[in-house]
Amino acid sequence: MDITTIKQTRISDEVFEQMKQNIIHGQWSPGIKIPGELDLVKSFGVSRVSVRAAIHRLVGMGILSIKRGEGTFVSEVLPRDYFNTLLPALLIDGASMFEILEFRSMVEIESAKLASRRADEYDVESMSEIIKKMEVSQGDIKKFAAEDLDFHSALAIATHNTVIIKVNEIIYDMLRKTMEEIVGLTGYEGGLFYHKRILKAIVEKDEKAAGEFMKEHIDVTVNKIKAVVTNIADDKADIDK
């Protein structure tokens, strides 16, 4: 198995990519049992949290399956064909920031509610770690935006609904660029403020509060962006006079 030690900042993404490539190129063939968590931790040279995050993303996409008491296995699909169906560009070409936010509003409010019912200890741990990373990433738009997006991905995983997780993975790359634009326009405080409250509601299994905080989070973001866009348009109009 070809694995190299992870040295980059985006640890879980790097682990995910290496595992995905092992599947795509047949090093881990359909039906095979992959190495256990501890073996992967040692091979990658990363934390158990990073390995688990990568495994859960692949499980959510239907690429890996966990059999209790036996281990984690590559699903009996053709990985190369499967990943080819996930090409984001085929699905999101031309989507505007507001269209993306509309989509998030429809999906993520219900996802937050579902996560409040289904999130396990690992899900809570993952979201908590991401919030800590967001706090130390303030001032770095690109890094903060990536952590912000990871929180929403972790929340999707916490629903334990494979359709929600797969859709989230399909649009991940598109959302990365959009999230950077959003953070650049709205700043850092809003994401941290609402993510902490959403996570608290999930921990307390308060479905109503989780949904309400997510709705407010997205509504506030939309209003901030609209205000910025309006101000820019007004300034341009004044210059053109």
C-alpha atoms as a PDB file:
ATOM      1  CA  MET A   1       0.000   0.000   0.000  1.00  0.00           C
ATOM      2  CA  ASP A   2       1.506   3.346  -1.057  1.00  0.00           C
ATOM      3  CA  ILE A   3       1.130   5.804   1.813  1.00  0.00           C
ATOM      4  CA  THR A   4       3.321   8.800   2.561  1.00  0.00           C
ATOM      5  CA  THR A   5       3.544  10.712   5.821  1.00  0.00           C
ATOM      6  CA  ILE A   6       1.143  13.665   5.923  1.00  0.00           C
ATOM      7  CA  LYS A   7       2.876  17.022   6.396  1.00  0.00           C
ATOM      8  CA  GLN A   8       0.380  19.565   5.099  1.00  0.00           C
ATOM      9  CA  THR A   9      -2.033  21.595   7.216  1.00  0.00           C
ATOM     10  CA  ARG A  10      -5.179  20.009   5.767  1.00  0.00           C
ATOM     11  CA  ILE A  11      -4.556  16.687   7.466  1.00  0.00           C
ATOM     12  CA  SER A  12      -7.941  14.988   7.115  1.00  0.00           C
ATOM     13  CA  ASP A  13      -8.249  16.069   3.469  1.00  0.00           C
ATOM     14  CA  GLU A  14      -4.812  14.633   2.674  1.00  0.00           C
ATOM     15  CA  VAL A  15      -5.674  11.350   4.372  1.00  0.00           C
ATOM     16  CA  PHE A  16      -8.987  11.252   2.496  1.00  0.00           C
ATOM     17  CA  GLU A  17      -7.274  11.883  -0.856  1.00  0.00           C
ATOM     18  CA  GLN A  18      -4.645   9.179  -0.335  1.00  0.00           C
ATOM     19  CA  MET A  19      -7.255   6.657   0.725  1.00  0.00           C
ATOM     20  CA  LYS A  20      -9.456   7.605  -2.214  1.00  0.00           C
ATOM     21  CA  GLN A  21      -6.549   7.178  -4.636  1.00  0.00           C
ATOM     22  CA  ASN A  22      -5.781   3.732  -3.212  1.00  0.00           C
ATOM     23  CA  ILE A  23      -9.365   2.758  -4.029  1.00  0.00           C
ATOM     24  CA  ILE A  24      -9.502   4.409  -7.458  1.00  0.00           C
ATOM     25  CA  HIS A  25      -6.251   2.780  -8.604  1.00  0.00           C
ATOM     26  CA  GLY A  26      -7.179  -0.653  -7.297  1.00  0.00           C
ATOM     27  CA  GLN A  27      -4.665  -0.935  -4.468  1.00  0.00           C
ATOM     28  CA  TRP A  28      -7.690  -1.457  -2.274  1.00  0.00           C
ATOM     29  CA  SER A  29     -10.002  -3.476  -4.501  1.00  0.00           C
ATOM     30  CA  PRO A  30     -13.776  -3.927  -4.096  1.00  0.00           C
ATOM     31  CA  GLY A  31     -14.613  -6.176  -1.169  1.00  0.00           C
ATOM     32  CA  ILE A  32     -11.191  -5.954   0.464  1.00  0.00           C
ATOM     33  CA  LYS A  33     -10.784  -5.121   4.147  1.00  0.00           C
ATOM     34  CA  ILE A  34      -8.649  -2.002   4.566  1.00  0.00           C
ATOM     35  CA  PRO A  35      -6.077  -1.615   7.385  1.00  0.00           C
ATOM     36  CA  GLY A  36      -7.452  -0.845  10.832  1.00  0.00           C
ATOM     37  CA  GLU A  37      -7.524   2.643  12.325  1.00  0.00           C
ATOM     38  CA  LEU A  38      -4.387   2.201  14.405  1.00  0.00           C
ATOM     39  CA  ASP A  39      -2.437   0.845  11.429  1.00  0.00           C
ATOM     40  CA  LEU A  40      -3.560   3.799   9.312  1.00  0.00           C
ATOM     41  CA  VAL A  41      -2.625   6.247  12.068  1.00  0.00           C
ATOM     42  CA  LYS A  42       0.876   4.758  12.153  1.00  0.00           C
ATOM     43  CA  SER A  43       1.241   4.638   8.339  1.00  0.00           C
ATOM     44  CA  PHE A  44       0.007   8.198   7.745  1.00  0.00           C
ATOM     45  CA  GLY A  45       1.710   9.646  10.800  1.00  0.00           C
ATOM     46  CA  VAL A  46      -1.430  11.557  11.821  1.00  0.00           C
ATOM     47  CA  SER A  47      -4.001  11.556  14.636  1.00  0.00           C
ATOM     48  CA  ARG A  48      -6.811   9.053  14.991  1.00  0.00           C
ATOM     49  CA  VAL A  49      -9.323  11.895  14.551  1.00  0.00           C
ATOM     50  CA  SER A  50      -7.957  12.661  11.062  1.00  0.00           C
ATOM     51  CA  VAL A  51      -8.119   9.002  10.023  1.00  0.00           C
ATOM     52  CA  ARG A  52     -11.662   8.631  11.346  1.00  0.00           C
ATOM     53  CA  ALA A  53     -12.779  11.782   9.525  1.00  0.00           C
ATOM     54  CA  ALA A  54     -11.467  10.413   6.217  1.00  0.00           C
ATOM     55  CA  ILE A  55     -13.069   7.008   6.795  1.00  0.00           C
ATOM     56  CA  HIS A  56     -16.425   8.550   7.665  1.00  0.00           C
ATOM     57  CA  ARG A  57     -16.367  10.700   4.510  1.00  0.00           C
ATOM     58  CA  LEU A  58     -15.744   7.600   2.389  1.00  0.00           C
ATOM     59  CA  VAL A  59     -18.395   5.638   4.271  1.00  0.00           C
ATOM     60  CA  GLY A  60     -20.858   8.480   3.720  1.00  0.00           C
ATOM     61  CA  MET A  61     -20.118   8.399   0.002  1.00  0.00           C
ATOM     62  CA  GLY A  62     -20.808   4.673  -0.081  1.00  0.00           C
ATOM     63  CA  ILE A  63     -17.210   3.837  -0.990  1.00  0.00           C
ATOM     64  CA  LEU A  64     -16.368   2.146   2.291  1.00  0.00           C
ATOM     65  CA  SER A  65     -18.642   0.194   4.606  1.00  0.00           C
ATOM     66  CA  ILE A  66     -18.105  -0.621   8.268  1.00  0.00           C
ATOM     67  CA  LYS A  67     -19.029  -4.101   9.456  1.00  0.00           C
ATOM     68  CA  ARG A  68     -19.243  -4.225  13.231  1.00  0.00           C
ATOM     69  CA  GLY A  69     -16.775  -6.653  14.730  1.00  0.00           C
ATOM     70  CA  GLU A  70     -15.098  -7.236  11.365  1.00  0.00           C
ATOM     71  CA  GLY A  71     -13.621  -3.964  10.143  1.00  0.00           C
ATOM     72  CA  THR A  72     -13.934  -1.519   7.262  1.00  0.00           C
ATOM     73  CA  PHE A  73     -14.315  -2.777   3.686  1.00  0.00           C
ATOM     74  CA  VAL A  74     -14.282  -1.304   0.177  1.00  0.00           C
ATOM     75  CA  SER A  75     -17.806  -1.483  -1.214  1.00  0.00           C
ATOM     76  CA  GLU A  76     -18.610  -3.782  -4.106  1.00  0.00           C
ATOM     77  CA  VAL A  77     -18.876  -0.947  -6.647  1.00  0.00           C
ATOM     78  CA  LEU A  78     -16.407   0.013  -9.334  1.00  0.00           C
ATOM     79  CA  PRO A  79     -14.596   2.880  -7.606  1.00  0.00           C
ATOM     80  CA  ARG A  80     -13.284   4.552 -10.752  1.00  0.00           C
ATOM     81  CA  ASP A  81     -16.761   4.684 -12.325  1.00  0.00           C
ATOM     82  CA  TYR A  82     -18.309   5.785  -9.053  1.00  0.00           C
ATOM     83  CA  PHE A  83     -15.962   8.716  -8.537  1.00  0.00           C
ATOM     84  CA  ASN A  84     -16.438   9.804 -12.128  1.00  0.00           C
ATOM     85  CA  THR A  85     -20.128  10.315 -11.366  1.00  0.00           C
ATOM     86  CA  LEU A  86     -19.190  12.807  -8.641  1.00  0.00           C
ATOM     87  CA  LEU A  87     -17.658  15.420 -10.915  1.00  0.00           C
ATOM     88  CA  PRO A  88     -18.964  18.651  -9.405  1.00  0.00           C
ATOM     89  CA  ALA A  89     -18.624  20.679 -12.596  1.00  0.00           C
ATOM     90  CA  LEU A  90     -21.390  18.644 -14.219  1.00  0.00           C
ATOM     91  CA  LEU A  91     -23.815  19.700 -11.509  1.00  0.00           C
ATOM     92  CA  ILE A  92     -22.962  23.221 -10.370  1.00  0.00           C
ATOM     93  CA  ASP A  93     -21.819  25.100 -13.446  1.00  0.00           C
ATOM     94  CA  GLY A  94     -22.922  28.710 -13.235  1.00  0.00           C
ATOM     95  CA  ALA A  95     -24.344  28.601  -9.706  1.00  0.00           C
ATOM     96  CA  SER A  96     -24.290  32.005  -8.010  1.00  0.00           C
ATOM     97  CA  MET A  97     -23.437  32.671  -4.377  1.00  0.00           C
ATOM     98  CA  PHE A  98     -27.093  33.346  -3.548  1.00  0.00           C
ATOM     99  CA  GLU A  99     -28.215  30.139  -5.284  1.00  0.00           C
ATOM    100  CA  ILE A 100     -25.719  28.213  -3.193  1.00  0.00           C
ATOM    101  CA  LEU A 101     -26.950  29.877  -0.018  1.00  0.00           C
ATOM    102  CA  GLU A 102     -30.544  29.052  -0.990  1.00  0.00           C
ATOM    103  CA  PHE A 103     -29.530  25.421  -1.399  1.00  0.00           C
ATOM    104  CA  ARG A 104     -27.745  25.440   1.957  1.00  0.00           C
ATOM    105  CA  SER A 105     -30.782  26.966   3.637  1.00  0.00           C
ATOM    106  CA  MET A 106     -33.016  24.182   2.366  1.00  0.00           C
ATOM    107  CA  VAL A 107     -30.640  21.329   3.197  1.00  0.00           C
ATOM    108  CA  GLU A 108     -28.650  22.432   6.225  1.00  0.00           C
ATOM    109  CA  ILE A 109     -31.530  23.506   8.447  1.00  0.00           C
ATOM    110  CA  GLU A 110     -32.987  20.007   8.251  1.00  0.00           C
ATOM    111  CA  SER A 111     -29.485  18.512   8.506  1.00  0.00           C
ATOM    112  CA  ALA A 112     -28.914  20.371  11.775  1.00  0.00           C
ATOM    113  CA  LYS A 113     -32.188  18.984  13.129  1.00  0.00           C
ATOM    114  CA  LEU A 114     -31.318  15.460  12.043  1.00  0.00           C
ATOM    115  CA  ALA A 115     -27.810  15.740  13.485  1.00  0.00           C
ATOM    116  CA  SER A 116     -29.295  16.750  16.842  1.00  0.00           C
ATOM    117  CA  ARG A 117     -31.048  13.360  16.891  1.00  0.00           C
ATOM    118  CA  ARG A 118     -28.286  11.182  15.480  1.00  0.00           C
ATOM    119  CA  ALA A 119     -24.873  12.696  16.230  1.00  0.00           C
ATOM    120  CA  ASP A 120     -22.598  10.390  18.211  1.00  0.00           C
ATOM    121  CA  GLU A 121     -19.588  11.131  20.401  1.00  0.00           C
ATOM    122  CA  TYR A 122     -17.226  11.083  17.430  1.00  0.00           C
ATOM    123  CA  ASP A 123     -19.362  13.584  15.482  1.00  0.00           C
ATOM    124  CA  VAL A 124     -19.388  15.989  18.430  1.00  0.00           C
ATOM    125  CA  GLU A 125     -15.634  15.597  18.858  1.00  0.00           C
ATOM    126  CA  SER A 126     -15.050  16.335  15.160  1.00  0.00           C
ATOM    127  CA  MET A 127     -17.168  19.496  15.182  1.00  0.00           C
ATOM    128  CA  SER A 128     -15.560  20.692  18.425  1.00  0.00           C
ATOM    129  CA  GLU A 129     -12.065  20.268  16.978  1.00  0.00           C
ATOM    130  CA  ILE A 130     -13.036  22.166  13.837  1.00  0.00           C
ATOM    131  CA  ILE A 131     -14.375  25.095  15.869  1.00  0.00           C
ATOM    132  CA  LYS A 132     -11.044  25.242  17.739  1.00  0.00           C
ATOM    133  CA  LYS A 133      -9.223  25.369  14.395  1.00  0.00           C
ATOM    134  CA  MET A 134     -11.552  28.135  13.199  1.00  0.00           C
ATOM    135  CA  GLU A 135     -10.687  30.191  16.278  1.00  0.00           C
ATOM    136  CA  VAL A 136      -6.945  30.049  15.603  1.00  0.00           C
ATOM    137  CA  SER A 137      -7.432  30.621  11.853  1.00  0.00           C
ATOM    138  CA  GLN A 138      -8.999  34.064  12.223  1.00  0.00           C
ATOM    139  CA  GLY A 139      -7.137  36.496  10.004  1.00  0.00           C
ATOM    140  CA  ASP A 140      -6.467  33.875   7.315  1.00  0.00           C
ATOM    141  CA  ILE A 141      -9.496  33.897   4.997  1.00  0.00           C
ATOM    142  CA  LYS A 142      -8.561  30.805   3.019  1.00  0.00           C
ATOM    143  CA  LYS A 143      -7.769  28.659   6.056  1.00  0.00           C
ATOM    144  CA  PHE A 144     -10.756  29.884   8.069  1.00  0.00           C
ATOM    145  CA  ALA A 145     -13.096  29.274   5.127  1.00  0.00           C
ATOM    146  CA  ALA A 146     -11.785  25.722   4.752  1.00  0.00           C
ATOM    147  CA  GLU A 147     -12.396  25.010   8.446  1.00  0.00           C
ATOM    148  CA  ASP A 148     -15.831  26.661   8.209  1.00  0.00           C
ATOM    149  CA  LEU A 149     -16.713  24.352   5.334  1.00  0.00           C
ATOM    150  CA  ASP A 150     -15.357  21.365   7.242  1.00  0.00           C
ATOM    151  CA  PHE A 151     -17.787  22.137  10.065  1.00  0.00           C
ATOM    152  CA  HIS A 152     -20.713  21.953   7.656  1.00  0.00           C
ATOM    153  CA  SER A 153     -19.317  18.713   6.195  1.00  0.00           C
ATOM    154  CA  ALA A 154     -18.961  17.262   9.694  1.00  0.00           C
ATOM    155  CA  LEU A 155     -22.542  18.265  10.391  1.00  0.00           C
ATOM    156  CA  ALA A 156     -23.666  16.460   7.228  1.00  0.00           C
ATOM    157  CA  ILE A 157     -21.791  13.353   8.389  1.00  0.00           C
ATOM    158  CA  ALA A 158     -23.491  13.674  11.790  1.00  0.00           C
ATOM    159  CA  THR A 159     -26.878  13.150  10.117  1.00  0.00           C
ATOM    160  CA  HIS A 160     -25.814   9.577   9.302  1.00  0.00           C
ATOM    161  CA  ASN A 161     -27.879   9.943   6.126  1.00  0.00           C
ATOM    162  CA  THR A 162     -25.881   8.698   3.160  1.00  0.00           C
ATOM    163  CA  VAL A 163     -27.795  10.818   0.619  1.00  0.00           C
ATOM    164  CA  ILE A 164     -27.092  14.050   2.511  1.00  0.00           C
ATOM    165  CA  ILE A 165     -23.428  13.098   2.914  1.00  0.00           C
ATOM    166  CA  LYS A 166     -23.037  12.199  -0.773  1.00  0.00           C
ATOM    167  CA  VAL A 167     -24.655  15.438  -1.972  1.00  0.00           C
ATOM    168  CA  ASN A 168     -22.402  17.394   0.370  1.00  0.00           C
ATOM    169  CA  GLU A 169     -19.322  15.665  -1.061  1.00  0.00           C
ATOM    170  CA  ILE A 170     -20.422  16.340  -4.633  1.00  0.00           C
ATOM    171  CA  ILE A 171     -20.585  20.106  -4.086  1.00  0.00           C
ATOM    172  CA  TYR A 172     -17.586  20.315  -1.708  1.00  0.00           C
ATOM    173  CA  ASP A 173     -15.151  21.874  -4.184  1.00  0.00           C
ATOM    174  CA  MET A 174     -17.694  24.423  -5.387  1.00  0.00           C
ATOM    175  CA  LEU A 175     -18.518  25.413  -1.814  1.00  0.00           C
ATOM    176  CA  ARG A 176     -14.822  25.891  -1.018  1.00  0.00           C
ATOM    177  CA  LYS A 177     -14.553  28.864  -3.385  1.00  0.00           C
ATOM    178  CA  THR A 178     -17.909  30.265  -2.291  1.00  0.00           C
ATOM    179  CA  MET A 179     -17.011  29.985   1.390  1.00  0.00           C
ATOM    180  CA  GLU A 180     -13.867  32.037   0.830  1.00  0.00           C
ATOM    181  CA  GLU A 181     -15.959  34.744  -0.813  1.00  0.00           C
ATOM    182  CA  ILE A 182     -18.466  34.668   2.046  1.00  0.00           C
ATOM    183  CA  VAL A 183     -15.794  34.942   4.743  1.00  0.00           C
ATOM    184  CA  GLY A 184     -14.146  37.778   2.828  1.00  0.00           C
ATOM    185  CA  LEU A 185     -17.433  39.680   2.773  1.00  0.00           C
ATOM    186  CA  THR A 186     -18.822  38.863   6.226  1.00  0.00           C
ATOM    187  CA  GLY A 187     -15.787  38.313   8.464  1.00  0.00           C
ATOM    188  CA  TYR A 188     -14.996  35.656  11.053  1.00  0.00           C
ATOM    189  CA  GLU A 189     -17.255  36.318  14.030  1.00  0.00           C
ATOM    190  CA  GLY A 190     -20.553  35.119  12.561  1.00  0.00           C
ATOM    191  CA  GLY A 191     -19.344  31.641  11.671  1.00  0.00           C
ATOM    192  CA  LEU A 192     -17.867  31.047  15.114  1.00  0.00           C
ATOM    193  CA  PHE A 193     -20.877  32.531  16.918  1.00  0.00           C
ATOM    194  CA  TYR A 194     -23.426  30.323  15.171  1.00  0.00           C
ATOM    195  CA  HIS A 195     -21.334  27.170  14.886  1.00  0.00           C
ATOM    196  CA  LYS A 196     -20.836  27.127  18.660  1.00  0.00           C
ATOM    197  CA  ARG A 197     -24.561  27.493  19.244  1.00  0.00           C
ATOM    198  CA  ILE A 198     -25.485  24.900  16.635  1.00  0.00           C
ATOM    199  CA  LEU A 199     -23.055  22.428  18.204  1.00  0.00           C
ATOM    200  CA  LYS A 200     -24.415  23.164  21.703  1.00  0.00           C
ATOM    201  CA  ALA A 201     -27.936  22.437  20.464  1.00  0.00           C
ATOM    202  CA  ILE A 202     -26.744  19.191  18.862  1.00  0.00           C
ATOM    203  CA  VAL A 203     -25.004  18.115  22.076  1.00  0.00           C
ATOM    204  CA  GLU A 204     -28.174  18.869  24.034  1.00  0.00           C
ATOM    205  CA  LYS A 205     -30.243  17.072  21.369  1.00  0.00           C
ATOM    206  CA  ASP A 206     -32.350  20.202  20.977  1.00  0.00           C
ATOM    207  CA  GLU A 207     -33.677  19.721  17.458  1.00  0.00           C
ATOM    208  CA  LYS A 208     -35.680  22.949  17.403  1.00  0.00           C
ATOM    209  CA  ALA A 209     -32.761  25.125  18.534  1.00  0.00           C
ATOM    210  CA  ALA A 210     -30.346  23.442  16.090  1.00  0.00           C
ATOM    211  CA  GLY A 211     -32.635  24.209  13.161  1.00  0.00           C
ATOM    212  CA  GLU A 212     -33.362  27.758  14.322  1.00  0.00           C
ATOM    213  CA  PHE A 213     -29.680  28.613  14.820  1.00  0.00           C
ATOM    214  CA  MET A 214     -28.801  27.228  11.390  1.00  0.00           C
ATOM    215  CA  LYS A 215     -31.611  29.210   9.748  1.00  0.00           C
ATOM    216  CA  GLU A 216     -30.531  32.376  11.532  1.00  0.00           C
ATOM    217  CA  HIS A 217     -26.902  31.699  10.593  1.00  0.00           C
ATOM    218  CA  ILE A 218     -27.712  31.501   6.890  1.00  0.00           C
ATOM    219  CA  ASP A 219     -30.232  34.388   6.977  1.00  0.00           C
ATOM    220  CA  VAL A 220     -27.703  36.673   8.676  1.00  0.00           C
ATOM    221  CA  THR A 221     -25.056  35.680   6.129  1.00  0.00           C
ATOM    222  CA  VAL A 222     -27.386  36.445   3.211  1.00  0.00           C
ATOM    223  CA  ASN A 223     -28.352  39.833   4.672  1.00  0.00           C
ATOM    224  CA  LYS A 224     -24.717  40.794   5.280  1.00  0.00           C
ATOM    225  CA  ILE A 225     -23.771  39.896   1.717  1.00  0.00           C
ATOM    226  CA  LYS A 226     -26.749  41.789   0.291  1.00  0.00           C
ATOM    227  CA  ALA A 227     -25.750  44.851   2.346  1.00  0.00           C
ATOM    228  CA  VAL A 228     -22.177  44.698   1.069  1.00  0.00           C
ATOM    229  CA  VAL A 229     -23.336  44.262  -2.538  1.00  0.00           C
ATOM    230  CA  THR A 230     -25.773  47.177  -2.174  1.00  0.00           C
ATOM    231  CA  ASN A 231     -23.067  49.437  -0.729  1.00  0.00           C
ATOM    232  CA  ILE A 232     -20.708  48.573  -3.559  1.00  0.00           C
ATOM    233  CA  ALA A 233     -23.427  49.313  -6.116  1.00  0.00           C
ATOM    234  CA  ASP A 234     -24.234  52.642  -4.415  1.00  0.00           C
ATOM    235  CA  ASP A 235     -20.577  53.646  -4.351  1.00  0.00           C
ATOM    236  CA  LYS A 236     -20.226  52.802  -8.023  1.00  0.00           C
ATOM    237  CA  ALA A 237     -23.331  54.844  -8.840  1.00  0.00           C
ATOM    238  CA  ASP A 238     -21.908  57.852  -6.962  1.00  0.00           C
ATOM    239  CA  ILE A 239     -18.628  57.558  -8.851  1.00  0.00           C
ATOM    240  CA  ASP A 240     -20.449  57.344 -12.191  1.00  0.00           C
ATOM    241  CA  LYS A 241     -22.441  60.530 -11.511  1.00  0.00           C
END
